[in-house]
């Protein structure tokens, strides 16, 4: 079944330039992780855009998405990563630190757009945590 899910998603991407099946909660995490790790940047963007529609992602999928912030150099992938993570009700501190770090090291207009929008709208971040600049700082 997992192979078929991956094959269908790739077919869907080639046909529609988007992935919709992987937004379903029943879509196997193992396949998502593999596709994010091995797919092209355009496939990753399509997956990340689809995942924005999911209200909850597993820790393993969140970890793979967060790895894209560190490992990937494509700006569109990183923007899509921040948008997908921004829809999550809560995030581990390590992922929050990666997002804040990304914001601190991002050039002007990108910082002002996607990542700052994420920080402002994210249910995962309180204003105080963001203002402190350190997600692991406790008051």
C-alpha atoms as a PDB file:
ATOM      1  CA  UNK A   1       0.000   0.000   0.000  1.00  0.00           C
ATOM      2  CA  UNK A   2       2.815   2.423   0.853  1.00  0.00           C
ATOM      3  CA  UNK A   3       4.390   2.024  -2.575  1.00  0.00           C
ATOM      4  CA  UNK A   4       1.046   2.720  -4.212  1.00  0.00           C
ATOM      5  CA  UNK A   5       0.519   5.854  -2.109  1.00  0.00           C
ATOM      6  CA  UNK A   6       3.894   7.164  -3.199  1.00  0.00           C
ATOM      7  CA  UNK A   7       3.311   6.238  -6.849  1.00  0.00           C
ATOM      8  CA  UNK A   8      -0.095   7.880  -6.860  1.00  0.00           C
ATOM      9  CA  UNK A   9       1.256  11.041  -5.248  1.00  0.00           C
ATOM     10  CA  UNK A  10       3.993  11.327  -7.852  1.00  0.00           C
ATOM     11  CA  UNK A  11       1.472  10.720 -10.628  1.00  0.00           C
ATOM     12  CA  UNK A  12      -0.819  13.336  -9.090  1.00  0.00           C
ATOM     13  CA  UNK A  13       2.074  15.802  -8.959  1.00  0.00           C
ATOM     14  CA  UNK A  14       3.033  15.223 -12.586  1.00  0.00           C
ATOM     15  CA  UNK A  15      -0.564  15.568 -13.725  1.00  0.00           C
ATOM     16  CA  UNK A  16      -1.753  18.427 -11.495  1.00  0.00           C
ATOM     17  CA  UNK A  17       1.476  20.079 -10.290  1.00  0.00           C
ATOM     18  CA  UNK A  18       0.203  19.518  -6.759  1.00  0.00           C
ATOM     19  CA  UNK A  19      -0.241  16.773  -4.208  1.00  0.00           C
ATOM     20  CA  UNK A  20      -3.564  16.303  -2.525  1.00  0.00           C
ATOM     21  CA  UNK A  21      -3.594  12.692  -1.373  1.00  0.00           C
ATOM     22  CA  UNK A  22      -0.754  13.256   1.111  1.00  0.00           C
ATOM     23  CA  UNK A  23      -2.770  15.852   3.011  1.00  0.00           C
ATOM     24  CA  UNK A  24      -5.029  13.071   4.298  1.00  0.00           C
ATOM     25  CA  UNK A  25      -4.274  11.961   7.833  1.00  0.00           C
ATOM     26  CA  UNK A  26      -4.365   8.322   6.727  1.00  0.00           C
ATOM     27  CA  UNK A  27      -1.450   8.876   4.347  1.00  0.00           C
ATOM     28  CA  UNK A  28       1.491   6.874   5.755  1.00  0.00           C
ATOM     29  CA  UNK A  29       4.066   8.943   7.655  1.00  0.00           C
ATOM     30  CA  UNK A  30       6.827   6.674   6.401  1.00  0.00           C
ATOM     31  CA  UNK A  31       5.984   7.606   2.799  1.00  0.00           C
ATOM     32  CA  UNK A  32       5.807  11.324   3.608  1.00  0.00           C
ATOM     33  CA  UNK A  33       9.208  11.202   5.276  1.00  0.00           C
ATOM     34  CA  UNK A  34      10.726   9.338   2.356  1.00  0.00           C
ATOM     35  CA  UNK A  35       9.231  11.724  -0.202  1.00  0.00           C
ATOM     36  CA  UNK A  36      10.425  14.779   1.736  1.00  0.00           C
ATOM     37  CA  UNK A  37      13.912  13.322   2.098  1.00  0.00           C
ATOM     38  CA  UNK A  38      14.340  12.106  -1.465  1.00  0.00           C
ATOM     39  CA  UNK A  39      12.035  14.233  -3.612  1.00  0.00           C
ATOM     40  CA  UNK A  40      12.969  17.159  -5.810  1.00  0.00           C
ATOM     41  CA  UNK A  41      12.558  20.664  -4.412  1.00  0.00           C
ATOM     42  CA  UNK A  42       9.370  21.174  -6.448  1.00  0.00           C
ATOM     43  CA  UNK A  43       7.929  17.903  -5.092  1.00  0.00           C
ATOM     44  CA  UNK A  44       8.840  18.940  -1.550  1.00  0.00           C
ATOM     45  CA  UNK A  45       7.078  22.262  -2.023  1.00  0.00           C
ATOM     46  CA  UNK A  46       3.954  20.470  -3.272  1.00  0.00           C
ATOM     47  CA  UNK A  47       4.007  18.118  -0.269  1.00  0.00           C
ATOM     48  CA  UNK A  48       4.540  20.975   2.176  1.00  0.00           C
ATOM     49  CA  UNK A  49       1.694  22.954   0.632  1.00  0.00           C
ATOM     50  CA  UNK A  50      -0.574  19.922   0.994  1.00  0.00           C
ATOM     51  CA  UNK A  51       0.478  19.436   4.621  1.00  0.00           C
ATOM     52  CA  UNK A  52      -0.664  22.951   5.469  1.00  0.00           C
ATOM     53  CA  UNK A  53      -4.144  21.422   5.363  1.00  0.00           C
ATOM     54  CA  UNK A  54      -3.354  18.945   8.139  1.00  0.00           C
ATOM     55  CA  UNK A  55      -4.136  20.047  11.648  1.00  0.00           C
ATOM     56  CA  UNK A  56      -1.720  17.572  13.267  1.00  0.00           C
ATOM     57  CA  UNK A  57       1.530  16.044  12.075  1.00  0.00           C
ATOM     58  CA  UNK A  58       3.456  13.298  13.826  1.00  0.00           C
ATOM     59  CA  UNK A  59       6.757  14.028  15.528  1.00  0.00           C
ATOM     60  CA  UNK A  60       8.676  12.104  12.878  1.00  0.00           C
ATOM     61  CA  UNK A  61       7.092  14.091  10.041  1.00  0.00           C
ATOM     62  CA  UNK A  62       7.685  17.354  11.924  1.00  0.00           C
ATOM     63  CA  UNK A  63      11.325  16.359  12.366  1.00  0.00           C
ATOM     64  CA  UNK A  64      11.755  15.709   8.649  1.00  0.00           C
ATOM     65  CA  UNK A  65      10.100  19.004   7.785  1.00  0.00           C
ATOM     66  CA  UNK A  66      12.322  20.859  10.250  1.00  0.00           C
ATOM     67  CA  UNK A  67      15.393  19.206   8.714  1.00  0.00           C
ATOM     68  CA  UNK A  68      14.516  20.973   5.465  1.00  0.00           C
ATOM     69  CA  UNK A  69      15.083  24.309   7.230  1.00  0.00           C
ATOM     70  CA  UNK A  70      18.663  23.303   7.982  1.00  0.00           C
ATOM     71  CA  UNK A  71      19.581  21.131   5.022  1.00  0.00           C
ATOM     72  CA  UNK A  72      17.864  22.712   2.055  1.00  0.00           C
ATOM     73  CA  UNK A  73      19.115  25.836   0.325  1.00  0.00           C
ATOM     74  CA  UNK A  74      16.055  26.530  -1.851  1.00  0.00           C
ATOM     75  CA  UNK A  75      14.226  29.584  -0.511  1.00  0.00           C
ATOM     76  CA  UNK A  76      10.818  28.377  -1.709  1.00  0.00           C
ATOM     77  CA  UNK A  77      11.281  25.084   0.139  1.00  0.00           C
ATOM     78  CA  UNK A  78      12.175  26.950   3.327  1.00  0.00           C
ATOM     79  CA  UNK A  79       9.200  29.295   2.962  1.00  0.00           C
ATOM     80  CA  UNK A  80       6.867  26.328   2.398  1.00  0.00           C
ATOM     81  CA  UNK A  81       8.429  24.606   5.396  1.00  0.00           C
ATOM     82  CA  UNK A  82       7.671  27.572   7.654  1.00  0.00           C
ATOM     83  CA  UNK A  83       4.110  27.744   6.342  1.00  0.00           C
ATOM     84  CA  UNK A  84       3.503  24.025   6.931  1.00  0.00           C
ATOM     85  CA  UNK A  85       4.915  24.221  10.452  1.00  0.00           C
ATOM     86  CA  UNK A  86       2.898  27.358  11.149  1.00  0.00           C
ATOM     87  CA  UNK A  87      -0.365  25.450  10.990  1.00  0.00           C
ATOM     88  CA  UNK A  88       0.600  23.134  13.833  1.00  0.00           C
ATOM     89  CA  UNK A  89      -0.993  23.750  17.232  1.00  0.00           C
ATOM     90  CA  UNK A  90       2.291  23.067  19.023  1.00  0.00           C
ATOM     91  CA  UNK A  91       5.879  22.427  18.080  1.00  0.00           C
ATOM     92  CA  UNK A  92       8.854  21.014  19.982  1.00  0.00           C
ATOM     93  CA  UNK A  93      11.340  23.608  21.243  1.00  0.00           C
ATOM     94  CA  UNK A  94      14.036  22.358  18.856  1.00  0.00           C
ATOM     95  CA  UNK A  95      11.834  23.154  15.861  1.00  0.00           C
ATOM     96  CA  UNK A  96      10.855  26.528  17.308  1.00  0.00           C
ATOM     97  CA  UNK A  97      14.538  27.331  17.785  1.00  0.00           C
ATOM     98  CA  UNK A  98      15.251  26.419  14.158  1.00  0.00           C
ATOM     99  CA  UNK A  99      12.443  28.705  12.987  1.00  0.00           C
ATOM    100  CA  UNK A 100      13.551  31.623  15.137  1.00  0.00           C
ATOM    101  CA  UNK A 101      17.159  31.086  14.059  1.00  0.00           C
ATOM    102  CA  UNK A 102      16.034  31.067  10.446  1.00  0.00           C
ATOM    103  CA  UNK A 103      14.205  34.336  11.019  1.00  0.00           C
ATOM    104  CA  UNK A 104      17.281  35.915  12.582  1.00  0.00           C
ATOM    105  CA  UNK A 105      19.492  34.896   9.633  1.00  0.00           C
ATOM    106  CA  UNK A 106      17.106  35.690   6.806  1.00  0.00           C
ATOM    107  CA  UNK A 107      17.511  38.619   4.455  1.00  0.00           C
ATOM    108  CA  UNK A 108      15.106  41.595   4.599  1.00  0.00           C
ATOM    109  CA  UNK A 109      12.030  40.959   2.498  1.00  0.00           C
ATOM    110  CA  UNK A 110      11.889  37.211   3.159  1.00  0.00           C
ATOM    111  CA  UNK A 111      12.168  37.826   6.895  1.00  0.00           C
ATOM    112  CA  UNK A 112       9.404  40.393   6.669  1.00  0.00           C
ATOM    113  CA  UNK A 113       7.113  38.031   4.767  1.00  0.00           C
ATOM    114  CA  UNK A 114       6.840  34.296   5.253  1.00  0.00           C
ATOM    115  CA  UNK A 115       8.651  33.613   8.508  1.00  0.00           C
ATOM    116  CA  UNK A 116       7.470  36.669  10.369  1.00  0.00           C
ATOM    117  CA  UNK A 117       3.911  35.911   9.233  1.00  0.00           C
ATOM    118  CA  UNK A 118       4.423  32.410  10.594  1.00  0.00           C
ATOM    119  CA  UNK A 119       5.611  33.718  13.949  1.00  0.00           C
ATOM    120  CA  UNK A 120       2.725  36.151  14.252  1.00  0.00           C
ATOM    121  CA  UNK A 121      -0.012  33.670  13.306  1.00  0.00           C
ATOM    122  CA  UNK A 122       1.375  30.492  14.778  1.00  0.00           C
ATOM    123  CA  UNK A 123      -0.581  28.970  17.632  1.00  0.00           C
ATOM    124  CA  UNK A 124       2.734  27.388  18.653  1.00  0.00           C
ATOM    125  CA  UNK A 125       4.350  30.662  19.612  1.00  0.00           C
ATOM    126  CA  UNK A 126       3.260  33.090  22.235  1.00  0.00           C
ATOM    127  CA  UNK A 127       4.299  36.685  21.809  1.00  0.00           C
ATOM    128  CA  UNK A 128       6.484  36.531  24.908  1.00  0.00           C
ATOM    129  CA  UNK A 129       8.445  33.517  23.690  1.00  0.00           C
ATOM    130  CA  UNK A 130       9.096  35.193  20.352  1.00  0.00           C
ATOM    131  CA  UNK A 131      10.015  38.569  21.822  1.00  0.00           C
ATOM    132  CA  UNK A 132      12.570  36.934  24.046  1.00  0.00           C
ATOM    133  CA  UNK A 133      14.352  35.639  20.937  1.00  0.00           C
ATOM    134  CA  UNK A 134      14.958  32.302  22.604  1.00  0.00           C
ATOM    135  CA  UNK A 135      12.313  29.625  22.567  1.00  0.00           C
ATOM    136  CA  UNK A 136      13.936  27.764  25.442  1.00  0.00           C
ATOM    137  CA  UNK A 137      14.068  30.770  27.739  1.00  0.00           C
ATOM    138  CA  UNK A 138      11.649  30.511  30.647  1.00  0.00           C
ATOM    139  CA  UNK A 139      10.409  33.441  32.691  1.00  0.00           C
END
